[in-house]
PDB file of all heavy atoms in Angstrom:
ATOM      1  N   ARG A   1     -11.676   0.708   1.846  1.00  0.00           N
ATOM      2  CA  ARG A   1     -12.177  -0.648   1.780  1.00  0.00           C
ATOM      3  C   ARG A   1     -12.534  -0.950   0.326  1.00  0.00           C
ATOM      4  O   ARG A   1     -13.425  -0.321  -0.260  1.00  0.00           O
ATOM      5  CB  ARG A   1     -13.407  -0.848   2.649  1.00  0.00           C
ATOM      6  CG  ARG A   1     -13.904  -2.297   2.583  1.00  0.00           C
ATOM      7  CD  ARG A   1     -15.367  -2.455   2.878  1.00  0.00           C
ATOM      8  NE  ARG A   1     -15.884  -3.720   2.425  1.00  0.00           N
ATOM      9  CZ  ARG A   1     -15.867  -4.839   3.151  1.00  0.00           C
ATOM     10  NH1 ARG A   1     -15.351  -4.838   4.363  1.00  0.00           N
ATOM     11  NH2 ARG A   1     -16.374  -5.945   2.669  1.00  0.00           N
ATOM     12  N   SER A   2     -11.853  -1.913  -0.232  1.00  0.00           N
ATOM     13  CA  SER A   2     -12.158  -2.326  -1.596  1.00  0.00           C
ATOM     14  C   SER A   2     -13.401  -3.220  -1.592  1.00  0.00           C
ATOM     15  O   SER A   2     -13.841  -3.693  -0.541  1.00  0.00           O
ATOM     16  CB  SER A   2     -10.969  -3.077  -2.199  1.00  0.00           C
ATOM     17  OG  SER A   2     -10.648  -4.191  -1.399  1.00  0.00           O
ATOM     18  N   ARG A   3     -13.950  -3.445  -2.738  1.00  0.00           N
ATOM     19  CA  ARG A   3     -15.151  -4.298  -2.877  1.00  0.00           C
ATOM     20  C   ARG A   3     -16.283  -3.805  -1.981  1.00  0.00           C
ATOM     21  O   ARG A   3     -16.971  -4.579  -1.323  1.00  0.00           O
ATOM     22  CB  ARG A   3     -14.831  -5.762  -2.567  1.00  0.00           C
ATOM     23  CG  ARG A   3     -13.745  -6.340  -3.465  1.00  0.00           C
ATOM     24  CD  ARG A   3     -13.438  -7.797  -3.118  1.00  0.00           C
ATOM     25  NE  ARG A   3     -13.055  -7.962  -1.746  1.00  0.00           N
ATOM     26  CZ  ARG A   3     -11.839  -7.766  -1.290  1.00  0.00           C
ATOM     27  NH1 ARG A   3     -10.892  -7.364  -2.099  1.00  0.00           N
ATOM     28  NH2 ARG A   3     -11.557  -7.963  -0.014  1.00  0.00           N
ATOM     29  N   ALA A   4     -16.440  -2.482  -1.967  1.00  0.00           N
ATOM     30  CA  ALA A   4     -17.526  -1.906  -1.161  1.00  0.00           C
ATOM     31  C   ALA A   4     -18.874  -2.288  -1.768  1.00  0.00           C
ATOM     32  O   ALA A   4     -19.012  -2.405  -2.988  1.00  0.00           O
ATOM     33  CB  ALA A   4     -17.386  -0.395  -1.106  1.00  0.00           C
ATOM     34  N   ILE A   5     -19.853  -2.476  -0.897  1.00  0.00           N
ATOM     35  CA  ILE A   5     -21.179  -2.908  -1.323  1.00  0.00           C
ATOM     36  C   ILE A   5     -22.130  -1.726  -1.346  1.00  0.00           C
ATOM     37  O   ILE A   5     -22.375  -1.099  -0.315  1.00  0.00           O
ATOM     38  CB  ILE A   5     -21.732  -3.988  -0.372  1.00  0.00           C
ATOM     39  CG1 ILE A   5     -20.825  -5.220  -0.397  1.00  0.00           C
ATOM     40  CG2 ILE A   5     -23.167  -4.356  -0.753  1.00  0.00           C
ATOM     41  CD1 ILE A   5     -21.220  -6.282   0.601  1.00  0.00           C
ATOM     42  N   GLY A   6     -22.627  -1.412  -2.524  1.00  0.00           N
ATOM     43  CA  GLY A   6     -23.671  -0.425  -2.685  1.00  0.00           C
ATOM     44  C   GLY A   6     -23.477   0.828  -1.877  1.00  0.00           C
ATOM     45  O   GLY A   6     -22.420   1.453  -1.899  1.00  0.00           O
ATOM     46  N   ASN A   7     -24.490   1.192  -1.109  1.00  0.00           N
ATOM     47  CA  ASN A   7     -24.460   2.396  -0.302  1.00  0.00           C
ATOM     48  C   ASN A   7     -24.219   2.093   1.172  1.00  0.00           C
ATOM     49  O   ASN A   7     -24.590   2.882   2.034  1.00  0.00           O
ATOM     50  CB  ASN A   7     -25.766   3.175  -0.461  1.00  0.00           C
ATOM     51  CG  ASN A   7     -25.772   3.990  -1.729  1.00  0.00           C
ATOM     52  OD1 ASN A   7     -24.727   4.470  -2.153  1.00  0.00           O
ATOM     53  ND2 ASN A   7     -26.925   4.136  -2.332  1.00  0.00           N
ATOM     54  N   TYR A   8     -23.572   0.972   1.431  1.00  0.00           N
ATOM     55  CA  TYR A   8     -23.263   0.625   2.819  1.00  0.00           C
ATOM     56  C   TYR A   8     -22.122   1.492   3.327  1.00  0.00           C
ATOM     57  O   TYR A   8     -21.107   1.658   2.646  1.00  0.00           O
ATOM     58  CB  TYR A   8     -22.881  -0.849   2.919  1.00  0.00           C
ATOM     59  CG  TYR A   8     -22.720  -1.332   4.333  1.00  0.00           C
ATOM     60  CD1 TYR A   8     -23.826  -1.677   5.103  1.00  0.00           C
ATOM     61  CD2 TYR A   8     -21.465  -1.441   4.912  1.00  0.00           C
ATOM     62  CE1 TYR A   8     -23.686  -2.110   6.406  1.00  0.00           C
ATOM     63  CE2 TYR A   8     -21.316  -1.875   6.214  1.00  0.00           C
ATOM     64  CZ  TYR A   8     -22.427  -2.214   6.946  1.00  0.00           C
ATOM     65  OH  TYR A   8     -22.286  -2.629   8.247  1.00  0.00           O
ATOM     66  N   VAL A   9     -22.284   2.030   4.514  1.00  0.00           N
ATOM     67  CA  VAL A   9     -21.256   2.856   5.130  1.00  0.00           C
ATOM     68  C   VAL A   9     -20.532   2.012   6.174  1.00  0.00           C
ATOM     69  O   VAL A   9     -21.147   1.531   7.121  1.00  0.00           O
ATOM     70  CB  VAL A   9     -21.872   4.105   5.797  1.00  0.00           C
ATOM     71  CG1 VAL A   9     -20.765   4.962   6.414  1.00  0.00           C
ATOM     72  CG2 VAL A   9     -22.656   4.925   4.779  1.00  0.00           C
ATOM     73  N   TYR A  10     -19.255   1.831   5.996  1.00  0.00           N
ATOM     74  CA  TYR A  10     -18.456   0.976   6.878  1.00  0.00           C
ATOM     75  C   TYR A  10     -17.857   1.821   8.000  1.00  0.00           C
ATOM     76  O   TYR A  10     -17.156   2.792   7.737  1.00  0.00           O
ATOM     77  CB  TYR A  10     -17.338   0.303   6.080  1.00  0.00           C
ATOM     78  CG  TYR A  10     -17.841  -0.619   4.997  1.00  0.00           C
ATOM     79  CD1 TYR A  10     -18.127  -0.144   3.725  1.00  0.00           C
ATOM     80  CD2 TYR A  10     -18.048  -1.974   5.249  1.00  0.00           C
ATOM     81  CE1 TYR A  10     -18.598  -0.984   2.733  1.00  0.00           C
ATOM     82  CE2 TYR A  10     -18.515  -2.821   4.262  1.00  0.00           C
ATOM     83  CZ  TYR A  10     -18.794  -2.322   3.014  1.00  0.00           C
ATOM     84  OH  TYR A  10     -19.264  -3.157   2.047  1.00  0.00           O
ATOM     85  N   THR A  11     -18.127   1.440   9.229  1.00  0.00           N
ATOM     86  CA  THR A  11     -17.672   2.240  10.365  1.00  0.00           C
ATOM     87  C   THR A  11     -16.752   1.501  11.330  1.00  0.00           C
ATOM     88  O   THR A  11     -16.335   2.076  12.334  1.00  0.00           O
ATOM     89  CB  THR A  11     -18.884   2.778  11.161  1.00  0.00           C
ATOM     90  OG1 THR A  11     -19.649   1.672  11.639  1.00  0.00           O
ATOM     91  CG2 THR A  11     -19.763   3.672  10.283  1.00  0.00           C
ATOM     92  N   LEU A  12     -16.419   0.269  11.028  1.00  0.00           N
ATOM     93  CA  LEU A  12     -15.561  -0.515  11.909  1.00  0.00           C
ATOM     94  C   LEU A  12     -14.180  -0.653  11.289  1.00  0.00           C
ATOM     95  O   LEU A  12     -14.057  -0.919  10.093  1.00  0.00           O
ATOM     96  CB  LEU A  12     -16.171  -1.891  12.161  1.00  0.00           C
ATOM     97  CG  LEU A  12     -17.562  -1.869  12.774  1.00  0.00           C
ATOM     98  CD1 LEU A  12     -18.130  -3.285  12.869  1.00  0.00           C
ATOM     99  CD2 LEU A  12     -17.544  -1.212  14.139  1.00  0.00           C
ATOM    100  N   SER A  13     -13.149  -0.508  12.097  1.00  0.00           N
ATOM    101  CA  SER A  13     -11.796  -0.479  11.559  1.00  0.00           C
ATOM    102  C   SER A  13     -11.427  -1.776  10.852  1.00  0.00           C
ATOM    103  O   SER A  13     -10.712  -1.754   9.835  1.00  0.00           O
ATOM    104  CB  SER A  13     -10.781  -0.175  12.668  1.00  0.00           C
ATOM    105  OG  SER A  13     -10.849  -1.138  13.694  1.00  0.00           O
ATOM    106  N   TYR A  14     -11.927  -2.922  11.332  1.00  0.00           N
ATOM    107  CA  TYR A  14     -11.535  -4.189  10.717  1.00  0.00           C
ATOM    108  C   TYR A  14     -12.159  -4.368   9.329  1.00  0.00           C
ATOM    109  O   TYR A  14     -11.763  -5.259   8.577  1.00  0.00           O
ATOM    110  CB  TYR A  14     -11.889  -5.378  11.615  1.00  0.00           C
ATOM    111  CG  TYR A  14     -13.364  -5.678  11.749  1.00  0.00           C
ATOM    112  CD1 TYR A  14     -14.041  -6.401  10.771  1.00  0.00           C
ATOM    113  CD2 TYR A  14     -14.076  -5.264  12.862  1.00  0.00           C
ATOM    114  CE1 TYR A  14     -15.391  -6.688  10.893  1.00  0.00           C
ATOM    115  CE2 TYR A  14     -15.435  -5.540  12.990  1.00  0.00           C
ATOM    116  CZ  TYR A  14     -16.085  -6.252  12.013  1.00  0.00           C
ATOM    117  OH  TYR A  14     -17.414  -6.523  12.133  1.00  0.00           O
ATOM    118  N   GLU A  15     -13.110  -3.524   8.992  1.00  0.00           N
ATOM    119  CA  GLU A  15     -13.738  -3.611   7.675  1.00  0.00           C
ATOM    120  C   GLU A  15     -12.878  -2.963   6.585  1.00  0.00           C
ATOM    121  O   GLU A  15     -13.183  -3.097   5.408  1.00  0.00           O
ATOM    122  CB  GLU A  15     -15.118  -2.940   7.719  1.00  0.00           C
ATOM    123  CG  GLU A  15     -16.109  -3.662   8.624  1.00  0.00           C
ATOM    124  CD  GLU A  15     -17.440  -2.953   8.738  1.00  0.00           C
ATOM    125  OE1 GLU A  15     -17.450  -1.713   8.980  1.00  0.00           O
ATOM    126  OE2 GLU A  15     -18.487  -3.615   8.595  1.00  0.00           O
ATOM    127  N   TYR A  16     -11.813  -2.295   6.979  1.00  0.00           N
ATOM    128  CA  TYR A  16     -10.957  -1.605   6.019  1.00  0.00           C
ATOM    129  C   TYR A  16      -9.676  -2.382   5.787  1.00  0.00           C
ATOM    130  O   TYR A  16      -9.115  -2.961   6.717  1.00  0.00           O
ATOM    131  CB  TYR A  16     -10.636  -0.195   6.519  1.00  0.00           C
ATOM    132  CG  TYR A  16     -11.843   0.713   6.442  1.00  0.00           C
ATOM    133  CD1 TYR A  16     -12.791   0.736   7.462  1.00  0.00           C
ATOM    134  CD2 TYR A  16     -12.049   1.529   5.336  1.00  0.00           C
ATOM    135  CE1 TYR A  16     -13.913   1.542   7.373  1.00  0.00           C
ATOM    136  CE2 TYR A  16     -13.163   2.354   5.246  1.00  0.00           C
ATOM    137  CZ  TYR A  16     -14.097   2.342   6.269  1.00  0.00           C
ATOM    138  OH  TYR A  16     -15.206   3.137   6.174  1.00  0.00           O
ATOM    139  N   ASP A  17      -9.205  -2.383   4.540  1.00  0.00           N
ATOM    140  CA  ASP A  17      -8.031  -3.189   4.220  1.00  0.00           C
ATOM    141  C   ASP A  17      -6.818  -2.383   3.786  1.00  0.00           C
ATOM    142  O   ASP A  17      -5.766  -2.956   3.521  1.00  0.00           O
ATOM    143  CB  ASP A  17      -8.369  -4.243   3.152  1.00  0.00           C
ATOM    144  CG  ASP A  17      -9.265  -3.706   2.042  1.00  0.00           C
ATOM    145  OD1 ASP A  17      -9.194  -2.491   1.752  1.00  0.00           O
ATOM    146  OD2 ASP A  17     -10.028  -4.494   1.468  1.00  0.00           O
ATOM    147  N   ASN A  18      -6.948  -1.071   3.720  1.00  0.00           N
ATOM    148  CA  ASN A  18      -5.786  -0.228   3.411  1.00  0.00           C
ATOM    149  C   ASN A  18      -5.824   1.003   4.312  1.00  0.00           C
ATOM    150  O   ASN A  18      -6.883   1.627   4.476  1.00  0.00           O
ATOM    151  CB  ASN A  18      -5.800   0.207   1.941  1.00  0.00           C
ATOM    152  CG  ASN A  18      -5.456  -0.921   1.007  1.00  0.00           C
ATOM    153  OD1 ASN A  18      -4.296  -1.309   0.888  1.00  0.00           O
ATOM    154  ND2 ASN A  18      -6.455  -1.479   0.356  1.00  0.00           N
ATOM    155  N   TRP A  19      -4.664   1.345   4.841  1.00  0.00           N
ATOM    156  CA  TRP A  19      -4.554   2.452   5.785  1.00  0.00           C
ATOM    157  C   TRP A  19      -3.407   3.373   5.415  1.00  0.00           C
ATOM    158  O   TRP A  19      -2.372   2.923   4.913  1.00  0.00           O
ATOM    159  CB  TRP A  19      -4.318   1.924   7.200  1.00  0.00           C
ATOM    160  CG  TRP A  19      -5.475   1.197   7.766  1.00  0.00           C
ATOM    161  CD1 TRP A  19      -5.828  -0.107   7.534  1.00  0.00           C
ATOM    162  CD2 TRP A  19      -6.476   1.723   8.642  1.00  0.00           C
ATOM    163  NE1 TRP A  19      -6.979  -0.418   8.218  1.00  0.00           N
ATOM    164  CE2 TRP A  19      -7.399   0.684   8.906  1.00  0.00           C
ATOM    165  CE3 TRP A  19      -6.686   2.971   9.238  1.00  0.00           C
ATOM    166  CZ2 TRP A  19      -8.506   0.858   9.736  1.00  0.00           C
ATOM    167  CZ3 TRP A  19      -7.777   3.146  10.062  1.00  0.00           C
ATOM    168  CH2 TRP A  19      -8.682   2.099  10.306  1.00  0.00           C
ATOM    169  N   GLY A  20      -3.602   4.659   5.673  1.00  0.00           N
ATOM    170  CA  GLY A  20      -2.517   5.610   5.555  1.00  0.00           C
ATOM    171  C   GLY A  20      -1.668   5.614   6.814  1.00  0.00           C
ATOM    172  O   GLY A  20      -1.964   4.898   7.781  1.00  0.00           O
ATOM    173  N   GLN A  21      -0.636   6.428   6.795  1.00  0.00           N
ATOM    174  CA  GLN A  21       0.292   6.508   7.920  1.00  0.00           C
ATOM    175  C   GLN A  21      -0.194   7.436   9.023  1.00  0.00           C
ATOM    176  O   GLN A  21       0.314   7.385  10.146  1.00  0.00           O
ATOM    177  CB  GLN A  21       1.667   6.968   7.440  1.00  0.00           C
ATOM    178  CG  GLN A  21       2.358   5.963   6.522  1.00  0.00           C
ATOM    179  CD  GLN A  21       2.582   4.645   7.232  1.00  0.00           C
ATOM    180  OE1 GLN A  21       3.187   4.586   8.300  1.00  0.00           O
ATOM    181  NE2 GLN A  21       2.097   3.561   6.634  1.00  0.00           N
ATOM    182  N   GLY A  22      -1.143   8.267   8.720  1.00  0.00           N
ATOM    183  CA  GLY A  22      -1.701   9.154   9.732  1.00  0.00           C
ATOM    184  C   GLY A  22      -1.120  10.556   9.676  1.00  0.00           C
ATOM    185  O   GLY A  22       0.006  10.761   9.220  1.00  0.00           O
ATOM    186  N   THR A  23      -1.902  11.501  10.150  1.00  0.00           N
ATOM    187  CA  THR A  23      -1.460  12.887  10.254  1.00  0.00           C
ATOM    188  C   THR A  23      -1.911  13.432  11.611  1.00  0.00           C
ATOM    189  O   THR A  23      -3.043  13.185  12.038  1.00  0.00           O
ATOM    190  CB  THR A  23      -2.012  13.744   9.093  1.00  0.00           C
ATOM    191  OG1 THR A  23      -1.471  15.059   9.164  1.00  0.00           O
ATOM    192  CG2 THR A  23      -3.530  13.827   9.095  1.00  0.00           C
ATOM    193  N   GLN A  24      -1.017  14.136  12.270  1.00  0.00           N
ATOM    194  CA  GLN A  24      -1.289  14.627  13.614  1.00  0.00           C
ATOM    195  C   GLN A  24      -2.129  15.895  13.570  1.00  0.00           C
ATOM    196  O   GLN A  24      -1.814  16.839  12.841  1.00  0.00           O
ATOM    197  CB  GLN A  24       0.015  14.913  14.346  1.00  0.00           C
ATOM    198  CG  GLN A  24      -0.155  15.506  15.745  1.00  0.00           C
ATOM    199  CD  GLN A  24      -0.700  14.516  16.746  1.00  0.00           C
ATOM    200  OE1 GLN A  24      -0.241  13.369  16.820  1.00  0.00           O
ATOM    201  NE2 GLN A  24      -1.686  14.939  17.540  1.00  0.00           N
ATOM    202  N   VAL A  25      -3.169  15.906  14.371  1.00  0.00           N
ATOM    203  CA  VAL A  25      -3.985  17.104  14.573  1.00  0.00           C
ATOM    204  C   VAL A  25      -3.914  17.448  16.057  1.00  0.00           C
ATOM    205  O   VAL A  25      -4.234  16.611  16.902  1.00  0.00           O
ATOM    206  CB  VAL A  25      -5.445  16.883  14.151  1.00  0.00           C
ATOM    207  CG1 VAL A  25      -6.313  18.071  14.565  1.00  0.00           C
ATOM    208  CG2 VAL A  25      -5.532  16.658  12.646  1.00  0.00           C
TER     209      VAL A  25
END
């Protein structure tokens, strides 16, 4: 998530604007 605010921890998926392709575990 770009433009992060201070020490706020973002836990909701819609708050993020860039995603990787994923890795299987």
